[in-house]
């Protein structure tokens, strides 16, 4: 069985300071807690929830046994950082 239901999100914090015009886009984080949805600014996340913000980065290493010159000219160098 599939039930289609309308979902509603409440704006809080800085996002709720200004009432948007009809058709205007509202931008923020959508946070779901239990069965309620809230839209808030990134800076308000720690104020209105127990969530925190973190930065993460990822680096991939791929083994390649061919000639380095062939590899360097085969890929777009502006997209990769080569460690010789």
PDB file of N, CA and C in Angstrom:
ATOM      1  N   UNK A   1       0.827  -1.180   0.000  1.00  0.00           N
ATOM      2  CA  UNK A   1       0.000   0.000   0.000  1.00  0.00           C
ATOM      3  C   UNK A   1       0.876   1.249   0.000  1.00  0.00           C
ATOM      4  N   UNK A   2       0.457   2.243  -0.741  1.00  0.00           N
ATOM      5  CA  UNK A   2       1.180   3.507  -0.791  1.00  0.00           C
ATOM      6  C   UNK A   2       0.224   4.619  -0.363  1.00  0.00           C
ATOM      7  N   UNK A   3       0.638   5.404   0.626  1.00  0.00           N
ATOM      8  CA  UNK A   3      -0.168   6.519   1.101  1.00  0.00           C
ATOM      9  C   UNK A   3       0.537   7.815   0.732  1.00  0.00           C
ATOM     10  N   UNK A   4      -0.139   8.648   0.001  1.00  0.00           N
ATOM     11  CA  UNK A   4       0.414   9.940  -0.395  1.00  0.00           C
ATOM     12  C   UNK A   4      -0.105  10.986   0.585  1.00  0.00           C
ATOM     13  N   UNK A   5       0.809  11.647   1.271  1.00  0.00           N
ATOM     14  CA  UNK A   5       0.397  12.664   2.232  1.00  0.00           C
ATOM     15  C   UNK A   5       1.180  13.947   1.997  1.00  0.00           C
ATOM     16  N   UNK A   6       0.563  15.042   2.334  1.00  0.00           N
ATOM     17  CA  UNK A   6       1.201  16.349   2.188  1.00  0.00           C
ATOM     18  C   UNK A   6       2.094  16.597   3.390  1.00  0.00           C
ATOM     19  N   UNK A   7       3.277  17.101   3.143  1.00  0.00           N
ATOM     20  CA  UNK A   7       4.217  17.386   4.217  1.00  0.00           C
ATOM     21  C   UNK A   7       4.332  18.899   4.384  1.00  0.00           C
ATOM     22  N   UNK A   8       4.479  19.345   5.605  1.00  0.00           N
ATOM     23  CA  UNK A   8       4.600  20.762   5.884  1.00  0.00           C
ATOM     24  C   UNK A   8       5.836  20.972   6.750  1.00  0.00           C
ATOM     25  N   UNK A   9       6.591  22.021   6.442  1.00  0.00           N
ATOM     26  CA  UNK A   9       7.783  22.354   7.220  1.00  0.00           C
ATOM     27  C   UNK A   9       7.607  23.748   7.802  1.00  0.00           C
ATOM     28  N   UNK A  10       8.030  23.905   9.038  1.00  0.00           N
ATOM     29  CA  UNK A  10       7.943  25.187   9.730  1.00  0.00           C
ATOM     30  C   UNK A  10       9.297  25.888   9.621  1.00  0.00           C
ATOM     31  N   UNK A  11       9.302  27.173   9.243  1.00  0.00           N
ATOM     32  CA  UNK A  11      10.556  27.928   9.193  1.00  0.00           C
ATOM     33  C   UNK A  11      10.809  28.529  10.568  1.00  0.00           C
ATOM     34  N   UNK A  12      12.072  28.456  11.008  1.00  0.00           N
ATOM     35  CA  UNK A  12      12.443  28.995  12.312  1.00  0.00           C
ATOM     36  C   UNK A  12      13.745  29.769  12.192  1.00  0.00           C
ATOM     37  N   UNK A  13      14.021  30.591  13.177  1.00  0.00           N
ATOM     38  CA  UNK A  13      15.271  31.345  13.211  1.00  0.00           C
ATOM     39  C   UNK A  13      15.336  32.422  12.149  1.00  0.00           C
ATOM     40  N   UNK A  14      16.516  32.579  11.575  1.00  0.00           N
ATOM     41  CA  UNK A  14      16.743  33.625  10.570  1.00  0.00           C
ATOM     42  C   UNK A  14      15.887  33.446   9.322  1.00  0.00           C
ATOM     43  N   UNK A  15      15.576  32.215   8.977  1.00  0.00           N
ATOM     44  CA  UNK A  15      14.756  31.958   7.791  1.00  0.00           C
ATOM     45  C   UNK A  15      13.344  32.508   7.998  1.00  0.00           C
ATOM     46  N   UNK A  16      12.858  32.479   9.239  1.00  0.00           N
ATOM     47  CA  UNK A  16      11.492  32.921   9.532  1.00  0.00           C
ATOM     48  C   UNK A  16      11.389  34.428   9.732  1.00  0.00           C
ATOM     49  N   UNK A  17      12.492  35.158   9.749  1.00  0.00           N
ATOM     50  CA  UNK A  17      12.453  36.604   9.970  1.00  0.00           C
ATOM     51  C   UNK A  17      11.751  37.350   8.847  1.00  0.00           C
ATOM     52  N   UNK A  18      11.836  36.840   7.626  1.00  0.00           N
ATOM     53  CA  UNK A  18      11.242  37.505   6.468  1.00  0.00           C
ATOM     54  C   UNK A  18      10.217  36.570   5.829  1.00  0.00           C
ATOM     55  N   UNK A  19       9.016  37.088   5.631  1.00  0.00           N
ATOM     56  CA  UNK A  19       7.978  36.302   4.968  1.00  0.00           C
ATOM     57  C   UNK A  19       8.234  36.321   3.461  1.00  0.00           C
ATOM     58  N   UNK A  20       8.369  35.145   2.854  1.00  0.00           N
ATOM     59  CA  UNK A  20       8.641  35.113   1.409  1.00  0.00           C
ATOM     60  C   UNK A  20       7.410  35.500   0.597  1.00  0.00           C
ATOM     61  N   UNK A  21       7.652  36.068  -0.560  1.00  0.00           N
ATOM     62  CA  UNK A  21       6.574  36.381  -1.500  1.00  0.00           C
ATOM     63  C   UNK A  21       6.109  35.086  -2.164  1.00  0.00           C
ATOM     64  N   UNK A  22       4.958  35.112  -2.749  1.00  0.00           N
ATOM     65  CA  UNK A  22       4.426  33.937  -3.449  1.00  0.00           C
ATOM     66  C   UNK A  22       5.371  33.578  -4.600  1.00  0.00           C
ATOM     67  N   UNK A  23       5.798  32.328  -4.639  1.00  0.00           N
ATOM     68  CA  UNK A  23       6.702  31.862  -5.683  1.00  0.00           C
ATOM     69  C   UNK A  23       8.173  32.058  -5.365  1.00  0.00           C
ATOM     70  N   UNK A  24       8.497  32.770  -4.282  1.00  0.00           N
ATOM     71  CA  UNK A  24       9.896  33.006  -3.905  1.00  0.00           C
ATOM     72  C   UNK A  24      10.477  31.743  -3.274  1.00  0.00           C
ATOM     73  N   UNK A  25      11.717  31.461  -3.578  1.00  0.00           N
ATOM     74  CA  UNK A  25      12.385  30.277  -3.056  1.00  0.00           C
ATOM     75  C   UNK A  25      12.884  30.525  -1.639  1.00  0.00           C
ATOM     76  N   UNK A  26      12.664  29.563  -0.757  1.00  0.00           N
ATOM     77  CA  UNK A  26      13.165  29.618   0.610  1.00  0.00           C
ATOM     78  C   UNK A  26      14.360  28.670   0.680  1.00  0.00           C
ATOM     79  N   UNK A  27      15.468  29.165   1.186  1.00  0.00           N
ATOM     80  CA  UNK A  27      16.686  28.370   1.234  1.00  0.00           C
ATOM     81  C   UNK A  27      17.101  28.140   2.683  1.00  0.00           C
ATOM     82  N   UNK A  28      17.482  26.913   3.010  1.00  0.00           N
ATOM     83  CA  UNK A  28      17.932  26.587   4.360  1.00  0.00           C
ATOM     84  C   UNK A  28      18.124  25.090   4.501  1.00  0.00           C
ATOM     85  N   UNK A  29      18.323  24.660   5.729  1.00  0.00           N
ATOM     86  CA  UNK A  29      18.468  23.238   6.034  1.00  0.00           C
ATOM     87  C   UNK A  29      17.109  22.669   6.414  1.00  0.00           C
ATOM     88  N   UNK A  30      16.780  21.527   5.873  1.00  0.00           N
ATOM     89  CA  UNK A  30      15.548  20.839   6.245  1.00  0.00           C
ATOM     90  C   UNK A  30      15.912  19.795   7.294  1.00  0.00           C
ATOM     91  N   UNK A  31      15.372  19.968   8.503  1.00  0.00           N
ATOM     92  CA  UNK A  31      15.681  19.066   9.617  1.00  0.00           C
ATOM     93  C   UNK A  31      14.398  18.338   9.999  1.00  0.00           C
ATOM     94  N   UNK A  32      14.484  17.013  10.068  1.00  0.00           N
ATOM     95  CA  UNK A  32      13.324  16.203  10.450  1.00  0.00           C
ATOM     96  C   UNK A  32      13.578  15.635  11.837  1.00  0.00           C
ATOM     97  N   UNK A  33      12.630  15.855  12.734  1.00  0.00           N
ATOM     98  CA  UNK A  33      12.709  15.285  14.079  1.00  0.00           C
ATOM     99  C   UNK A  33      11.350  14.661  14.367  1.00  0.00           C
ATOM    100  N   UNK A  34      11.351  13.370  14.614  1.00  0.00           N
ATOM    101  CA  UNK A  34      10.116  12.603  14.783  1.00  0.00           C
ATOM    102  C   UNK A  34       9.281  12.764  13.515  1.00  0.00           C
ATOM    103  N   UNK A  35       8.115  13.388  13.612  1.00  0.00           N
ATOM    104  CA  UNK A  35       7.271  13.571  12.433  1.00  0.00           C
ATOM    105  C   UNK A  35       7.130  15.038  12.060  1.00  0.00           C
ATOM    106  N   UNK A  36       8.031  15.891  12.535  1.00  0.00           N
ATOM    107  CA  UNK A  36       7.964  17.319  12.214  1.00  0.00           C
ATOM    108  C   UNK A  36       9.175  17.717  11.380  1.00  0.00           C
ATOM    109  N   UNK A  37       8.966  18.676  10.502  1.00  0.00           N
ATOM    110  CA  UNK A  37      10.017  19.194   9.648  1.00  0.00           C
ATOM    111  C   UNK A  37      10.215  20.671   9.963  1.00  0.00           C
ATOM    112  N   UNK A  38      11.479  21.103  10.005  1.00  0.00           N
ATOM    113  CA  UNK A  38      11.807  22.501  10.230  1.00  0.00           C
ATOM    114  C   UNK A  38      12.834  22.941   9.199  1.00  0.00           C
ATOM    115  N   UNK A  39      12.683  24.172   8.707  1.00  0.00           N
ATOM    116  CA  UNK A  39      13.665  24.765   7.803  1.00  0.00           C
ATOM    117  C   UNK A  39      14.358  25.870   8.577  1.00  0.00           C
ATOM    118  N   UNK A  40      15.679  25.803   8.642  1.00  0.00           N
ATOM    119  CA  UNK A  40      16.458  26.780   9.402  1.00  0.00           C
ATOM    120  C   UNK A  40      17.737  27.132   8.658  1.00  0.00           C
ATOM    121  N   UNK A  41      18.327  28.251   9.044  1.00  0.00           N
ATOM    122  CA  UNK A  41      19.610  28.660   8.469  1.00  0.00           C
ATOM    123  C   UNK A  41      20.713  27.792   9.052  1.00  0.00           C
ATOM    124  N   UNK A  42      21.800  27.664   8.335  1.00  0.00           N
ATOM    125  CA  UNK A  42      22.934  26.859   8.788  1.00  0.00           C
ATOM    126  C   UNK A  42      23.453  27.348  10.136  1.00  0.00           C
ATOM    127  N   UNK A  43      23.498  28.659  10.323  1.00  0.00           N
ATOM    128  CA  UNK A  43      24.003  29.227  11.585  1.00  0.00           C
ATOM    129  C   UNK A  43      23.073  28.947  12.763  1.00  0.00           C
ATOM    130  N   UNK A  44      21.813  28.639  12.509  1.00  0.00           N
ATOM    131  CA  UNK A  44      20.848  28.370  13.576  1.00  0.00           C
ATOM    132  C   UNK A  44      20.785  26.901  13.968  1.00  0.00           C
ATOM    133  N   UNK A  45      21.529  26.060  13.304  1.00  0.00           N
ATOM    134  CA  UNK A  45      21.433  24.619  13.545  1.00  0.00           C
ATOM    135  C   UNK A  45      21.726  24.266  14.997  1.00  0.00           C
ATOM    136  N   UNK A  46      22.792  24.815  15.571  1.00  0.00           N
ATOM    137  CA  UNK A  46      23.145  24.480  16.955  1.00  0.00           C
ATOM    138  C   UNK A  46      22.199  25.109  17.969  1.00  0.00           C
ATOM    139  N   UNK A  47      21.474  26.158  17.571  1.00  0.00           N
ATOM    140  CA  UNK A  47      20.536  26.824  18.474  1.00  0.00           C
ATOM    141  C   UNK A  47      19.242  26.030  18.606  1.00  0.00           C
ATOM    142  N   UNK A  48      18.720  25.521  17.497  1.00  0.00           N
ATOM    143  CA  UNK A  48      17.421  24.867  17.483  1.00  0.00           C
ATOM    144  C   UNK A  48      17.482  23.346  17.474  1.00  0.00           C
ATOM    145  N   UNK A  49      18.676  22.775  17.475  1.00  0.00           N
ATOM    146  CA  UNK A  49      18.795  21.320  17.506  1.00  0.00           C
ATOM    147  C   UNK A  49      20.070  20.930  18.241  1.00  0.00           C
ATOM    148  N   UNK A  50      20.215  19.656  18.464  1.00  0.00           N
ATOM    149  CA  UNK A  50      21.431  19.145  19.113  1.00  0.00           C
ATOM    150  C   UNK A  50      22.462  18.702  18.083  1.00  0.00           C
ATOM    151  N   UNK A  51      22.245  19.071  16.828  1.00  0.00           N
ATOM    152  CA  UNK A  51      23.165  18.713  15.754  1.00  0.00           C
ATOM    153  C   UNK A  51      24.302  19.715  15.690  1.00  0.00           C
ATOM    154  N   UNK A  52      25.411  19.297  15.137  1.00  0.00           N
ATOM    155  CA  UNK A  52      26.549  20.198  14.952  1.00  0.00           C
ATOM    156  C   UNK A  52      27.028  20.124  13.513  1.00  0.00           C
ATOM    157  N   UNK A  53      27.843  21.090  13.137  1.00  0.00           N
ATOM    158  CA  UNK A  53      28.361  21.194  11.780  1.00  0.00           C
ATOM    159  C   UNK A  53      29.826  20.770  11.787  1.00  0.00           C
ATOM    160  N   UNK A  54      30.223  20.044  10.764  1.00  0.00           N
ATOM    161  CA  UNK A  54      31.619  19.659  10.633  1.00  0.00           C
ATOM    162  C   UNK A  54      32.015  19.687   9.163  1.00  0.00           C
ATOM    163  N   UNK A  55      33.276  19.845   8.918  1.00  0.00           N
ATOM    164  CA  UNK A  55      33.810  19.781   7.564  1.00  0.00           C
ATOM    165  C   UNK A  55      34.587  18.484   7.419  1.00  0.00           C
ATOM    166  N   UNK A  56      34.461  17.871   6.283  1.00  0.00           N
ATOM    167  CA  UNK A  56      35.233  16.665   6.022  1.00  0.00           C
ATOM    168  C   UNK A  56      35.782  16.733   4.607  1.00  0.00           C
ATOM    169  N   UNK A  57      36.908  16.113   4.416  1.00  0.00           N
ATOM    170  CA  UNK A  57      37.488  16.044   3.080  1.00  0.00           C
ATOM    171  C   UNK A  57      37.889  14.600   2.808  1.00  0.00           C
ATOM    172  N   UNK A  58      37.985  14.290   1.547  1.00  0.00           N
ATOM    173  CA  UNK A  58      38.275  12.919   1.143  1.00  0.00           C
ATOM    174  C   UNK A  58      39.342  12.952   0.067  1.00  0.00           C
ATOM    175  N   UNK A  59      40.228  11.998   0.120  1.00  0.00           N
ATOM    176  CA  UNK A  59      41.288  11.886  -0.867  1.00  0.00           C
ATOM    177  C   UNK A  59      41.376  10.434  -1.295  1.00  0.00           C
ATOM    178  N   UNK A  60      41.450  10.216  -2.579  1.00  0.00           N
ATOM    179  CA  UNK A  60      41.496   8.856  -3.101  1.00  0.00           C
ATOM    180  C   UNK A  60      42.882   8.591  -3.692  1.00  0.00           C
ATOM    181  N   UNK A  61      43.377   7.404  -3.478  1.00  0.00           N
ATOM    182  CA  UNK A  61      44.646   6.976  -4.048  1.00  0.00           C
ATOM    183  C   UNK A  61      44.375   5.758  -4.926  1.00  0.00           C
ATOM    184  N   UNK A  62      44.836   5.829  -6.163  1.00  0.00           N
ATOM    185  CA  UNK A  62      44.630   4.733  -7.105  1.00  0.00           C
ATOM    186  C   UNK A  62      45.996   4.266  -7.598  1.00  0.00           C
ATOM    187  N   UNK A  63      46.253   2.991  -7.479  1.00  0.00           N
ATOM    188  CA  UNK A  63      47.521   2.433  -7.944  1.00  0.00           C
ATOM    189  C   UNK A  63      47.536   2.399  -9.470  1.00  0.00           C
ATOM    190  N   UNK A  64      48.644   2.858 -10.063  1.00  0.00           N
ATOM    191  CA  UNK A  64      48.800   2.874 -11.517  1.00  0.00           C
ATOM    192  C   UNK A  64      50.219   2.440 -11.827  1.00  0.00           C
ATOM    193  N   UNK A  65      50.366   1.451 -12.689  1.00  0.00           N
ATOM    194  CA  UNK A  65      51.697   0.900 -12.951  1.00  0.00           C
ATOM    195  C   UNK A  65      52.257   1.325 -14.304  1.00  0.00           C
ATOM    196  N   UNK A  66      51.498   2.109 -15.071  1.00  0.00           N
ATOM    197  CA  UNK A  66      51.976   2.547 -16.379  1.00  0.00           C
ATOM    198  C   UNK A  66      52.911   3.742 -16.260  1.00  0.00           C
ATOM    199  N   UNK A  67      53.285   4.287 -17.400  1.00  0.00           N
ATOM    200  CA  UNK A  67      54.179   5.442 -17.433  1.00  0.00           C
ATOM    201  C   UNK A  67      53.442   6.686 -16.938  1.00  0.00           C
ATOM    202  N   UNK A  68      54.109   7.484 -16.109  1.00  0.00           N
ATOM    203  CA  UNK A  68      53.491   8.667 -15.524  1.00  0.00           C
ATOM    204  C   UNK A  68      53.103   9.685 -16.588  1.00  0.00           C
ATOM    205  N   UNK A  69      53.911   9.841 -17.590  1.00  0.00           N
ATOM    206  CA  UNK A  69      53.621  10.792 -18.657  1.00  0.00           C
ATOM    207  C   UNK A  69      52.330  10.471 -19.386  1.00  0.00           C
ATOM    208  N   UNK A  70      52.074   9.190 -19.607  1.00  0.00           N
ATOM    209  CA  UNK A  70      50.839   8.764 -20.265  1.00  0.00           C
ATOM    210  C   UNK A  70      49.631   9.108 -19.391  1.00  0.00           C
ATOM    211  N   UNK A  71      49.742   8.839 -18.119  1.00  0.00           N
ATOM    212  CA  UNK A  71      48.657   9.142 -17.197  1.00  0.00           C
ATOM    213  C   UNK A  71      48.398  10.644 -17.127  1.00  0.00           C
ATOM    214  N   UNK A  72      49.445  11.414 -17.029  1.00  0.00           N
ATOM    215  CA  UNK A  72      49.309  12.861 -16.881  1.00  0.00           C
ATOM    216  C   UNK A  72      48.642  13.486 -18.104  1.00  0.00           C
ATOM    217  N   UNK A  73      48.904  12.978 -19.271  1.00  0.00           N
ATOM    218  CA  UNK A  73      48.318  13.527 -20.486  1.00  0.00           C
ATOM    219  C   UNK A  73      46.952  12.904 -20.822  1.00  0.00           C
ATOM    220  N   UNK A  74      46.597  11.818 -20.146  1.00  0.00           N
ATOM    221  CA  UNK A  74      45.324  11.150 -20.412  1.00  0.00           C
ATOM    222  C   UNK A  74      44.169  11.755 -19.613  1.00  0.00           C
ATOM    223  N   UNK A  75      44.476  12.366 -18.482  1.00  0.00           N
ATOM    224  CA  UNK A  75      43.425  12.952 -17.641  1.00  0.00           C
ATOM    225  C   UNK A  75      43.512  14.468 -17.700  1.00  0.00           C
ATOM    226  N   UNK A  76      42.468  15.112 -17.249  1.00  0.00           N
ATOM    227  CA  UNK A  76      42.446  16.574 -17.242  1.00  0.00           C
ATOM    228  C   UNK A  76      43.215  17.064 -16.021  1.00  0.00           C
ATOM    229  N   UNK A  77      44.387  17.629 -16.199  1.00  0.00           N
ATOM    230  CA  UNK A  77      45.237  17.992 -15.061  1.00  0.00           C
ATOM    231  C   UNK A  77      44.625  19.044 -14.153  1.00  0.00           C
ATOM    232  N   UNK A  78      43.702  19.869 -14.648  1.00  0.00           N
ATOM    233  CA  UNK A  78      43.113  20.897 -13.793  1.00  0.00           C
ATOM    234  C   UNK A  78      42.160  20.299 -12.755  1.00  0.00           C
ATOM    235  N   UNK A  79      41.764  19.038 -12.929  1.00  0.00           N
ATOM    236  CA  UNK A  79      40.847  18.387 -11.997  1.00  0.00           C
ATOM    237  C   UNK A  79      41.581  17.538 -10.957  1.00  0.00           C
ATOM    238  N   UNK A  80      42.880  17.315 -11.120  1.00  0.00           N
ATOM    239  CA  UNK A  80      43.602  16.423 -10.228  1.00  0.00           C
ATOM    240  C   UNK A  80      44.884  17.080  -9.737  1.00  0.00           C
ATOM    241  N   UNK A  81      45.300  16.673  -8.563  1.00  0.00           N
ATOM    242  CA  UNK A  81      46.590  17.085  -8.020  1.00  0.00           C
ATOM    243  C   UNK A  81      47.512  15.872  -8.110  1.00  0.00           C
ATOM    244  N   UNK A  82      48.577  15.995  -8.908  1.00  0.00           N
ATOM    245  CA  UNK A  82      49.494  14.880  -9.101  1.00  0.00           C
ATOM    246  C   UNK A  82      50.641  14.952  -8.093  1.00  0.00           C
ATOM    247  N   UNK A  83      50.865  13.845  -7.426  1.00  0.00           N
ATOM    248  CA  UNK A  83      51.997  13.728  -6.518  1.00  0.00           C
ATOM    249  C   UNK A  83      53.015  12.818  -7.173  1.00  0.00           C
ATOM    250  N   UNK A  84      54.116  13.397  -7.620  1.00  0.00           N
ATOM    251  CA  UNK A  84      55.121  12.618  -8.351  1.00  0.00           C
ATOM    252  C   UNK A  84      56.058  11.916  -7.401  1.00  0.00           C
TER     253      UNK A  84
END
